[in-house]
N, C-alpha and C. Protein backbone atom coordinates (compact mmCIF):
# COMPACT_ATOMS: atom_id res chain seq x y z
N MET A 1 -8.07 -47.24 0.08
CA MET A 1 -8.99 -46.10 0.03
C MET A 1 -10.17 -46.39 0.94
N ALA A 2 -10.05 -46.02 2.17
CA ALA A 2 -11.14 -46.26 3.05
C ALA A 2 -12.24 -45.38 2.97
N SER A 3 -11.94 -44.04 2.92
CA SER A 3 -13.06 -43.19 2.80
C SER A 3 -12.74 -42.10 1.78
N LYS A 4 -13.83 -41.65 1.07
CA LYS A 4 -13.70 -40.56 0.16
C LYS A 4 -14.90 -39.70 0.01
N ALA A 5 -14.69 -38.57 -0.47
CA ALA A 5 -15.89 -37.60 -0.65
C ALA A 5 -15.80 -36.98 -1.85
N ILE A 6 -16.99 -36.63 -2.55
CA ILE A 6 -17.10 -35.86 -3.62
C ILE A 6 -17.41 -34.40 -3.30
N VAL A 7 -16.66 -33.45 -3.82
CA VAL A 7 -16.79 -32.07 -3.52
C VAL A 7 -17.05 -31.33 -4.78
N LYS A 8 -18.12 -30.56 -4.79
CA LYS A 8 -18.35 -29.62 -5.89
C LYS A 8 -17.99 -28.21 -5.39
N ALA A 9 -16.99 -27.54 -6.05
CA ALA A 9 -16.60 -26.22 -5.66
C ALA A 9 -15.99 -25.50 -6.76
N GLY A 10 -16.30 -24.18 -6.90
CA GLY A 10 -15.70 -23.43 -7.93
C GLY A 10 -16.01 -23.97 -9.43
N GLY A 11 -17.27 -24.52 -9.62
CA GLY A 11 -17.61 -25.03 -10.91
C GLY A 11 -16.83 -26.40 -11.24
N GLN A 12 -16.26 -26.98 -10.24
CA GLN A 12 -15.55 -28.22 -10.60
C GLN A 12 -15.88 -29.23 -9.65
N THR A 13 -15.69 -30.46 -9.97
CA THR A 13 -15.82 -31.64 -9.11
C THR A 13 -14.54 -32.26 -8.70
N HIS A 14 -14.51 -32.60 -7.40
CA HIS A 14 -13.21 -33.14 -6.91
C HIS A 14 -13.61 -34.41 -6.14
N LYS A 15 -12.66 -35.43 -6.10
CA LYS A 15 -12.74 -36.66 -5.23
C LYS A 15 -11.70 -36.36 -4.30
N VAL A 16 -12.03 -36.35 -2.93
CA VAL A 16 -11.05 -36.26 -1.90
C VAL A 16 -11.02 -37.63 -1.23
N PHE A 17 -9.82 -38.16 -1.00
CA PHE A 17 -9.61 -39.44 -0.46
C PHE A 17 -8.32 -39.62 0.28
N LYS A 18 -8.12 -40.58 0.96
CA LYS A 18 -6.81 -40.99 1.58
C LYS A 18 -6.19 -41.96 0.74
N LYS A 19 -4.90 -41.80 0.46
CA LYS A 19 -4.06 -42.61 -0.42
C LYS A 19 -2.72 -42.99 0.19
N LYS A 20 -2.37 -44.19 0.14
CA LYS A 20 -1.12 -44.69 0.76
C LYS A 20 0.02 -44.17 -0.18
N VAL A 21 0.90 -43.52 0.37
CA VAL A 21 2.09 -43.03 -0.31
C VAL A 21 3.39 -43.56 0.31
N ASP A 22 4.26 -44.32 -0.53
CA ASP A 22 5.53 -44.97 -0.06
C ASP A 22 6.53 -43.86 -0.01
N ARG A 23 7.03 -43.53 1.07
CA ARG A 23 8.11 -42.56 1.18
C ARG A 23 9.54 -43.17 1.62
N GLY A 24 9.68 -44.42 1.46
CA GLY A 24 10.87 -45.03 1.80
C GLY A 24 11.02 -45.43 3.28
N ILE A 25 10.34 -44.64 4.13
CA ILE A 25 10.44 -44.98 5.58
C ILE A 25 9.31 -45.89 5.99
N GLY A 26 8.34 -45.83 5.16
CA GLY A 26 7.07 -46.68 5.53
C GLY A 26 5.93 -46.07 4.80
N ASP A 27 4.78 -46.79 4.79
CA ASP A 27 3.64 -46.36 4.16
C ASP A 27 2.94 -45.20 5.09
N ARG A 28 2.42 -44.21 4.47
CA ARG A 28 1.70 -43.30 5.24
C ARG A 28 0.63 -42.83 4.31
N GLY A 29 -0.54 -42.55 4.91
CA GLY A 29 -1.78 -42.04 4.22
C GLY A 29 -1.69 -40.51 4.06
N ASP A 30 -1.77 -40.12 2.95
CA ASP A 30 -1.98 -38.68 2.65
C ASP A 30 -3.35 -38.37 2.09
N ILE A 31 -3.92 -37.22 2.32
CA ILE A 31 -5.17 -36.82 1.71
C ILE A 31 -4.92 -36.24 0.37
N VAL A 32 -5.65 -36.82 -0.59
CA VAL A 32 -5.40 -36.47 -1.99
C VAL A 32 -6.59 -35.95 -2.62
N VAL A 33 -6.54 -35.03 -3.71
CA VAL A 33 -7.62 -34.59 -4.41
C VAL A 33 -7.47 -35.03 -5.87
N ASP A 34 -8.45 -35.59 -6.36
CA ASP A 34 -8.46 -35.98 -7.85
C ASP A 34 -9.44 -35.01 -8.47
N HIS A 35 -8.91 -34.27 -9.37
CA HIS A 35 -9.71 -33.23 -10.09
C HIS A 35 -10.46 -34.00 -11.24
N THR A 36 -11.83 -34.26 -11.08
CA THR A 36 -12.45 -35.00 -12.12
C THR A 36 -13.08 -34.08 -13.14
N ALA A 37 -13.10 -32.82 -12.96
CA ALA A 37 -13.71 -31.86 -14.01
C ALA A 37 -12.98 -30.51 -13.98
N GLY A 38 -13.08 -29.75 -14.94
CA GLY A 38 -12.47 -28.50 -14.99
C GLY A 38 -11.12 -28.42 -15.58
N PRO A 39 -10.38 -27.34 -15.46
CA PRO A 39 -9.11 -27.16 -16.15
C PRO A 39 -8.07 -28.12 -15.56
N SER A 40 -8.27 -28.57 -14.36
CA SER A 40 -7.20 -29.54 -13.70
C SER A 40 -7.62 -30.98 -13.82
N ALA A 41 -8.60 -31.25 -14.71
CA ALA A 41 -9.10 -32.61 -14.79
C ALA A 41 -7.92 -33.59 -14.99
N GLY A 42 -7.96 -34.81 -14.29
CA GLY A 42 -6.90 -35.86 -14.41
C GLY A 42 -5.81 -35.51 -13.48
N LYS A 43 -5.65 -34.38 -12.72
CA LYS A 43 -4.49 -34.13 -11.89
C LYS A 43 -4.90 -34.51 -10.44
N TRP A 44 -3.84 -34.94 -9.82
CA TRP A 44 -3.88 -35.24 -8.34
C TRP A 44 -3.03 -34.34 -7.57
N ASP A 45 -3.58 -33.83 -6.42
CA ASP A 45 -2.76 -32.95 -5.55
C ASP A 45 -2.89 -33.44 -4.22
N LYS A 46 -1.90 -33.30 -3.41
CA LYS A 46 -1.81 -33.55 -1.91
C LYS A 46 -2.34 -32.24 -1.41
N ILE A 47 -3.18 -32.37 -0.40
CA ILE A 47 -3.86 -31.12 0.28
C ILE A 47 -2.94 -30.73 1.41
N ASN A 48 -2.70 -29.40 1.38
CA ASN A 48 -1.97 -28.69 2.54
C ASN A 48 -3.00 -27.70 3.17
N LEU A 49 -3.28 -27.97 4.42
CA LEU A 49 -4.15 -26.98 5.06
C LEU A 49 -3.34 -25.88 5.52
N THR A 50 -2.08 -25.91 5.87
CA THR A 50 -1.21 -24.91 6.08
C THR A 50 0.15 -25.21 5.51
N GLU A 51 1.11 -24.28 5.67
CA GLU A 51 2.39 -24.53 5.15
C GLU A 51 3.06 -25.77 5.87
N LYS A 52 2.80 -25.88 7.20
CA LYS A 52 3.51 -26.92 7.97
C LYS A 52 2.77 -28.21 8.12
N SER A 53 1.43 -28.18 8.09
CA SER A 53 0.75 -29.45 8.49
C SER A 53 -0.23 -29.92 7.26
N LYS A 54 -0.31 -31.14 7.14
CA LYS A 54 -1.18 -31.70 6.00
C LYS A 54 -2.50 -32.19 6.68
N ALA A 55 -3.47 -32.25 5.87
CA ALA A 55 -4.84 -32.68 6.30
C ALA A 55 -4.71 -34.12 6.87
N LYS A 56 -5.28 -34.37 7.94
CA LYS A 56 -5.26 -35.73 8.49
C LYS A 56 -6.41 -36.59 8.17
N THR A 57 -7.56 -35.88 7.89
CA THR A 57 -8.74 -36.64 7.56
C THR A 57 -9.30 -36.19 6.23
N VAL A 58 -10.27 -37.04 5.63
CA VAL A 58 -10.91 -36.63 4.48
C VAL A 58 -11.75 -35.34 4.67
N LYS A 59 -12.38 -35.22 5.88
CA LYS A 59 -13.18 -34.07 6.18
C LYS A 59 -12.40 -32.81 6.16
N GLN A 60 -11.14 -32.86 6.82
CA GLN A 60 -10.28 -31.67 6.61
C GLN A 60 -9.89 -31.38 5.17
N GLY A 61 -9.70 -32.29 4.38
CA GLY A 61 -9.40 -32.21 2.93
C GLY A 61 -10.47 -31.48 2.22
N VAL A 62 -11.75 -31.84 2.50
CA VAL A 62 -12.92 -31.25 1.85
C VAL A 62 -13.00 -29.83 2.28
N ALA A 63 -12.78 -29.52 3.56
CA ALA A 63 -12.82 -28.18 4.05
C ALA A 63 -11.68 -27.38 3.35
N SER A 64 -10.55 -28.02 3.13
CA SER A 64 -9.42 -27.25 2.55
C SER A 64 -9.77 -27.01 0.98
N VAL A 65 -10.38 -27.87 0.32
CA VAL A 65 -10.70 -27.69 -1.01
C VAL A 65 -11.69 -26.42 -1.19
N LYS A 66 -12.71 -26.54 -0.34
CA LYS A 66 -13.74 -25.51 -0.34
C LYS A 66 -13.20 -24.11 0.10
N LYS A 67 -12.25 -24.10 1.07
CA LYS A 67 -11.61 -22.84 1.43
C LYS A 67 -10.74 -22.30 0.25
N TRP A 68 -10.04 -23.25 -0.43
CA TRP A 68 -9.17 -22.76 -1.53
C TRP A 68 -10.07 -22.18 -2.64
N HIS A 69 -11.19 -22.75 -2.85
CA HIS A 69 -12.03 -22.16 -4.00
C HIS A 69 -12.75 -20.79 -3.54
N ARG A 70 -12.89 -20.68 -2.28
CA ARG A 70 -13.41 -19.41 -1.78
C ARG A 70 -12.28 -18.29 -1.92
N GLU A 71 -11.19 -18.57 -1.68
CA GLU A 71 -10.14 -17.66 -1.71
C GLU A 71 -9.52 -17.55 -3.18
N ASN A 72 -9.76 -18.50 -4.06
CA ASN A 72 -9.27 -18.30 -5.46
C ASN A 72 -10.45 -18.70 -6.34
N PRO A 73 -11.37 -17.61 -6.58
CA PRO A 73 -12.51 -18.00 -7.40
C PRO A 73 -12.20 -18.27 -8.78
N MET A 74 -12.73 -19.48 -9.12
CA MET A 74 -12.49 -19.90 -10.53
C MET A 74 -13.67 -19.38 -11.37
N MET A 75 -13.39 -19.34 -12.72
CA MET A 75 -14.45 -18.81 -13.59
C MET A 75 -15.43 -20.01 -13.90
N LYS A 76 -16.61 -19.58 -14.30
CA LYS A 76 -17.61 -20.52 -14.49
C LYS A 76 -17.44 -21.40 -15.75
N ASN A 77 -16.66 -20.95 -16.72
CA ASN A 77 -16.37 -21.71 -17.93
C ASN A 77 -15.24 -22.57 -17.71
N GLY A 78 -14.76 -22.92 -16.60
CA GLY A 78 -13.67 -23.89 -16.42
C GLY A 78 -12.32 -23.36 -16.31
N GLY A 79 -12.23 -22.16 -15.92
CA GLY A 79 -10.86 -21.55 -15.75
C GLY A 79 -10.31 -20.70 -16.56
N SER A 80 -11.01 -20.31 -17.77
CA SER A 80 -10.40 -19.43 -18.70
C SER A 80 -10.63 -18.04 -18.12
N SER A 81 -10.50 -17.04 -18.95
CA SER A 81 -10.49 -15.60 -18.40
C SER A 81 -11.83 -15.40 -17.79
N PRO A 82 -11.91 -14.32 -16.93
CA PRO A 82 -13.16 -13.97 -16.24
C PRO A 82 -14.01 -13.24 -17.24
N ALA A 83 -15.24 -13.18 -16.89
CA ALA A 83 -16.24 -12.57 -17.84
C ALA A 83 -16.00 -11.12 -18.19
N TRP A 84 -15.42 -10.37 -17.34
CA TRP A 84 -15.08 -8.89 -17.65
C TRP A 84 -14.06 -8.77 -18.75
N GLN A 85 -13.28 -9.91 -19.00
CA GLN A 85 -12.32 -9.78 -20.04
C GLN A 85 -12.84 -10.39 -21.37
N ARG A 86 -14.00 -11.03 -21.30
CA ARG A 86 -14.53 -11.67 -22.51
C ARG A 86 -15.73 -10.78 -23.00
N SER A 87 -16.37 -11.21 -24.16
CA SER A 87 -17.40 -10.38 -24.76
C SER A 87 -18.67 -10.56 -23.90
N GLU A 88 -18.85 -11.66 -23.18
CA GLU A 88 -19.95 -11.81 -22.43
C GLU A 88 -20.20 -10.97 -21.19
N GLY A 89 -19.09 -10.28 -20.73
CA GLY A 89 -18.99 -9.35 -19.67
C GLY A 89 -18.98 -7.87 -20.19
N LYS A 90 -18.92 -7.75 -21.49
CA LYS A 90 -18.87 -6.38 -22.06
C LYS A 90 -20.12 -5.95 -22.65
N ASN A 91 -20.53 -4.73 -22.57
CA ASN A 91 -21.76 -4.27 -23.14
C ASN A 91 -21.46 -3.86 -24.51
N PRO A 92 -22.19 -4.26 -25.52
CA PRO A 92 -21.98 -4.03 -26.90
C PRO A 92 -21.87 -2.49 -27.22
N SER A 93 -22.60 -1.76 -26.40
CA SER A 93 -22.53 -0.19 -26.60
C SER A 93 -21.35 0.39 -25.85
N GLY A 94 -20.49 -0.28 -25.20
CA GLY A 94 -19.37 0.23 -24.52
C GLY A 94 -19.44 -0.03 -22.89
N GLY A 95 -18.24 -0.27 -22.43
CA GLY A 95 -18.20 -0.44 -20.94
C GLY A 95 -18.45 -1.89 -20.62
N LEU A 96 -18.70 -2.25 -19.37
CA LEU A 96 -18.99 -3.57 -18.92
C LEU A 96 -20.45 -3.55 -18.51
N ASN A 97 -21.07 -4.74 -18.72
CA ASN A 97 -22.37 -4.94 -18.17
C ASN A 97 -22.38 -5.46 -16.69
N ALA A 98 -23.49 -5.75 -16.20
CA ALA A 98 -23.63 -6.15 -14.75
C ALA A 98 -22.81 -7.40 -14.53
N LYS A 99 -22.84 -8.40 -15.42
CA LYS A 99 -22.08 -9.58 -15.27
C LYS A 99 -20.63 -9.46 -15.21
N GLY A 100 -20.13 -8.48 -16.14
CA GLY A 100 -18.76 -8.08 -16.14
C GLY A 100 -18.21 -7.48 -14.86
N VAL A 101 -19.13 -6.65 -14.32
CA VAL A 101 -18.65 -5.87 -13.16
C VAL A 101 -18.74 -6.91 -11.91
N ALA A 102 -19.79 -7.82 -11.99
CA ALA A 102 -19.74 -8.79 -10.79
C ALA A 102 -18.52 -9.73 -11.02
N SER A 103 -18.04 -10.07 -12.14
CA SER A 103 -16.97 -10.96 -12.26
C SER A 103 -15.70 -10.25 -11.86
N TYR A 104 -15.58 -8.98 -12.08
CA TYR A 104 -14.39 -8.20 -11.84
C TYR A 104 -14.26 -8.05 -10.25
N ARG A 105 -15.50 -7.82 -9.73
CA ARG A 105 -15.47 -7.69 -8.24
C ARG A 105 -15.18 -8.99 -7.50
N ALA A 106 -15.61 -10.11 -8.06
CA ALA A 106 -15.28 -11.36 -7.55
C ALA A 106 -13.69 -11.72 -7.64
N ALA A 107 -13.19 -11.32 -8.80
CA ALA A 107 -11.79 -11.53 -8.97
C ALA A 107 -10.83 -10.57 -8.17
N ASN A 108 -11.40 -9.33 -7.87
CA ASN A 108 -10.59 -8.39 -7.18
C ASN A 108 -11.41 -8.01 -5.86
N PRO A 109 -11.24 -8.72 -4.75
CA PRO A 109 -11.98 -8.45 -3.60
C PRO A 109 -11.68 -6.99 -3.06
N GLY A 110 -12.70 -6.34 -2.54
CA GLY A 110 -12.46 -4.94 -2.11
C GLY A 110 -12.66 -3.87 -3.21
N SER A 111 -12.90 -4.36 -4.41
CA SER A 111 -13.14 -3.38 -5.57
C SER A 111 -14.54 -2.76 -5.43
N LYS A 112 -14.56 -1.39 -5.89
CA LYS A 112 -15.77 -0.76 -5.72
C LYS A 112 -16.21 -0.35 -7.23
N LEU A 113 -15.86 -1.16 -8.24
CA LEU A 113 -16.30 -0.93 -9.62
C LEU A 113 -17.79 -1.00 -9.65
N LYS A 114 -18.27 0.03 -10.39
CA LYS A 114 -19.79 0.06 -10.70
C LYS A 114 -20.00 0.15 -12.22
N THR A 115 -21.10 0.07 -12.66
CA THR A 115 -21.47 0.18 -14.05
C THR A 115 -21.56 1.68 -14.37
N ALA A 116 -21.67 1.84 -15.66
CA ALA A 116 -21.51 3.22 -16.21
C ALA A 116 -22.69 4.25 -15.76
N VAL A 117 -22.34 5.43 -15.65
CA VAL A 117 -23.34 6.47 -15.39
C VAL A 117 -23.85 6.86 -16.80
N THR A 118 -25.04 6.37 -17.16
CA THR A 118 -25.53 6.60 -18.52
C THR A 118 -26.59 7.67 -18.64
N THR A 119 -26.94 8.34 -17.46
CA THR A 119 -27.83 9.44 -17.56
C THR A 119 -27.20 10.58 -18.16
N LYS A 120 -28.06 11.33 -18.94
CA LYS A 120 -27.59 12.55 -19.67
C LYS A 120 -27.14 13.55 -18.68
N PRO A 121 -25.98 14.32 -18.87
CA PRO A 121 -25.45 15.35 -17.97
C PRO A 121 -26.52 16.40 -17.67
N SER A 122 -27.46 16.75 -18.54
CA SER A 122 -28.53 17.74 -18.16
C SER A 122 -29.47 17.24 -17.08
N LYS A 123 -29.67 15.88 -17.00
CA LYS A 123 -30.64 15.26 -16.11
C LYS A 123 -29.93 15.05 -14.67
N LEU A 124 -28.63 15.10 -14.67
CA LEU A 124 -27.86 14.86 -13.34
C LEU A 124 -27.88 16.04 -12.49
N LYS A 125 -28.02 15.81 -11.14
CA LYS A 125 -28.01 17.03 -10.30
C LYS A 125 -26.49 17.42 -10.07
N ALA A 126 -26.25 18.67 -10.38
CA ALA A 126 -24.86 19.22 -10.10
C ALA A 126 -24.36 18.89 -8.87
N GLY A 127 -23.07 18.29 -8.79
CA GLY A 127 -22.42 17.97 -7.62
C GLY A 127 -22.87 16.64 -6.86
N SER A 128 -23.64 15.98 -7.58
CA SER A 128 -23.98 14.55 -6.95
C SER A 128 -22.91 13.59 -7.24
N LYS A 129 -23.10 12.39 -6.65
CA LYS A 129 -22.02 11.38 -6.75
C LYS A 129 -21.91 10.97 -8.14
N ALA A 130 -23.12 10.73 -8.84
CA ALA A 130 -23.06 10.19 -10.22
C ALA A 130 -22.41 11.24 -11.13
N ALA A 131 -22.82 12.58 -10.89
CA ALA A 131 -22.16 13.64 -11.81
C ALA A 131 -20.67 13.54 -11.52
N GLY A 132 -20.22 13.44 -10.31
CA GLY A 132 -18.80 13.51 -10.04
C GLY A 132 -18.07 12.29 -10.75
N ARG A 133 -18.78 10.96 -10.63
CA ARG A 133 -18.17 9.96 -11.25
C ARG A 133 -18.07 10.06 -12.73
N ARG A 134 -19.11 10.68 -13.39
CA ARG A 134 -19.19 10.80 -14.78
C ARG A 134 -18.05 11.78 -15.23
N LYS A 135 -17.93 12.92 -14.45
CA LYS A 135 -16.94 14.03 -14.77
C LYS A 135 -15.52 13.41 -14.67
N SER A 136 -15.27 12.67 -13.63
CA SER A 136 -13.96 12.07 -13.43
C SER A 136 -13.56 11.12 -14.50
N PHE A 137 -14.59 10.20 -14.84
CA PHE A 137 -14.43 9.18 -15.81
C PHE A 137 -14.10 9.81 -17.21
N CYS A 138 -14.93 10.83 -17.64
CA CYS A 138 -14.69 11.47 -18.86
C CYS A 138 -13.42 12.08 -18.94
N SER A 139 -12.90 12.84 -17.85
CA SER A 139 -11.63 13.54 -18.05
C SER A 139 -10.48 12.48 -17.95
N ARG A 140 -10.65 11.38 -17.22
CA ARG A 140 -9.60 10.45 -17.25
C ARG A 140 -9.45 9.60 -18.58
N MET A 141 -10.61 9.22 -19.15
CA MET A 141 -10.65 8.46 -20.35
C MET A 141 -10.28 9.27 -21.60
N SER A 142 -10.58 10.56 -21.63
CA SER A 142 -10.25 11.49 -22.70
C SER A 142 -8.82 11.68 -22.77
N GLY A 143 -8.21 11.70 -21.63
CA GLY A 143 -6.76 11.81 -21.53
C GLY A 143 -6.07 10.55 -22.06
N MET A 144 -6.65 9.45 -21.74
CA MET A 144 -6.07 8.19 -22.08
C MET A 144 -6.26 8.09 -23.66
N LYS A 145 -7.30 8.51 -24.11
CA LYS A 145 -7.62 8.43 -25.60
C LYS A 145 -6.63 9.23 -26.36
N LYS A 146 -6.23 10.31 -25.83
CA LYS A 146 -5.21 11.26 -26.48
C LYS A 146 -3.85 10.59 -26.45
N LYS A 147 -3.49 10.11 -25.26
CA LYS A 147 -2.06 9.74 -25.08
C LYS A 147 -1.74 8.25 -25.46
N LEU A 148 -2.70 7.54 -25.09
CA LEU A 148 -2.53 6.00 -25.14
C LEU A 148 -2.98 5.23 -26.37
N THR A 149 -3.63 5.94 -27.30
CA THR A 149 -4.12 5.11 -28.43
C THR A 149 -3.48 5.73 -29.74
N SER A 150 -3.64 4.77 -30.74
CA SER A 150 -3.13 5.22 -32.02
C SER A 150 -4.14 6.13 -32.71
N ALA A 151 -3.73 6.68 -33.64
CA ALA A 151 -4.71 7.60 -34.42
C ALA A 151 -5.87 6.78 -35.01
N LYS A 152 -5.53 5.55 -35.44
CA LYS A 152 -6.47 4.72 -36.06
C LYS A 152 -7.52 4.43 -34.94
N THR A 153 -7.11 3.94 -33.80
CA THR A 153 -8.12 3.62 -32.63
C THR A 153 -8.82 4.96 -32.23
N ALA A 154 -8.17 5.98 -32.14
CA ALA A 154 -8.79 7.27 -31.66
C ALA A 154 -9.96 7.72 -32.60
N ASN A 155 -9.83 7.45 -33.98
CA ASN A 155 -10.77 7.83 -34.94
C ASN A 155 -11.80 6.66 -35.27
N ASP A 156 -11.62 5.62 -34.79
CA ASP A 156 -12.53 4.43 -35.08
C ASP A 156 -13.73 4.47 -34.12
N PRO A 157 -14.96 4.74 -34.70
CA PRO A 157 -16.18 4.84 -33.85
C PRO A 157 -16.50 3.58 -33.12
N ASN A 158 -15.99 2.41 -33.61
CA ASN A 158 -16.25 1.09 -32.96
C ASN A 158 -15.27 0.56 -31.92
N SER A 159 -14.18 1.47 -31.59
CA SER A 159 -13.22 1.15 -30.62
C SER A 159 -13.85 1.18 -29.26
N ARG A 160 -13.39 0.28 -28.47
CA ARG A 160 -13.86 0.17 -27.05
C ARG A 160 -13.86 1.50 -26.22
N ILE A 161 -12.79 2.22 -26.50
CA ILE A 161 -12.62 3.56 -25.75
C ILE A 161 -13.66 4.48 -26.15
N ASN A 162 -14.01 4.54 -27.50
CA ASN A 162 -14.89 5.51 -28.11
C ASN A 162 -16.31 5.09 -27.71
N LYS A 163 -16.55 3.88 -27.72
CA LYS A 163 -17.87 3.35 -27.31
C LYS A 163 -18.12 3.73 -25.81
N SER A 164 -17.18 3.48 -24.97
CA SER A 164 -17.43 3.81 -23.57
C SER A 164 -17.52 5.34 -23.31
N LEU A 165 -16.80 6.15 -24.02
CA LEU A 165 -16.90 7.58 -23.93
C LEU A 165 -18.33 8.06 -24.39
N ARG A 166 -18.91 7.48 -25.39
CA ARG A 166 -20.20 7.75 -25.86
C ARG A 166 -21.30 7.30 -24.80
N LYS A 167 -21.06 6.14 -24.17
CA LYS A 167 -22.03 5.63 -23.26
C LYS A 167 -22.08 6.47 -21.97
N TRP A 168 -20.93 6.97 -21.57
CA TRP A 168 -20.86 7.86 -20.43
C TRP A 168 -21.23 9.32 -20.86
N ASN A 169 -21.62 9.64 -22.01
CA ASN A 169 -22.02 10.90 -22.49
C ASN A 169 -20.95 11.86 -22.37
N CYS A 170 -19.68 11.57 -22.67
CA CYS A 170 -18.58 12.46 -22.59
C CYS A 170 -18.46 13.21 -23.90
């Protein structure tokens, strides 16, 4: 191991180094990643920059690790579900909070998800974007409540769907 680098990316720490691998034809050095923290701790991976070529230097391996984490965002808590799927990303009064929306947008590039329109309908200007979003959400979720929930969930005031409908003033 002539050269190695420590990389912190995606809430994880990695050691990137050159390792001799015996392939039967002769020893060859491959760039390897040792996952020292996070969900992959203790695992070693060979780095592929592309499908056809392997990283030739540790510097290329570090760039590859960083690129992989940019393209595949990991969750802050070590790879479990994103915040929008856990209670920390949900608003207790219904819908997602700002952290939940941010984690959803990070996991789904190009998404235009926004937080709820909580302004009372009487205060919204008729025909405004917010009024349109609210009206669309209310009609869509009311239909889901009727067709996709059980009678127990539909009548439960603490169900997520009823909380979100109340929050949006539906």
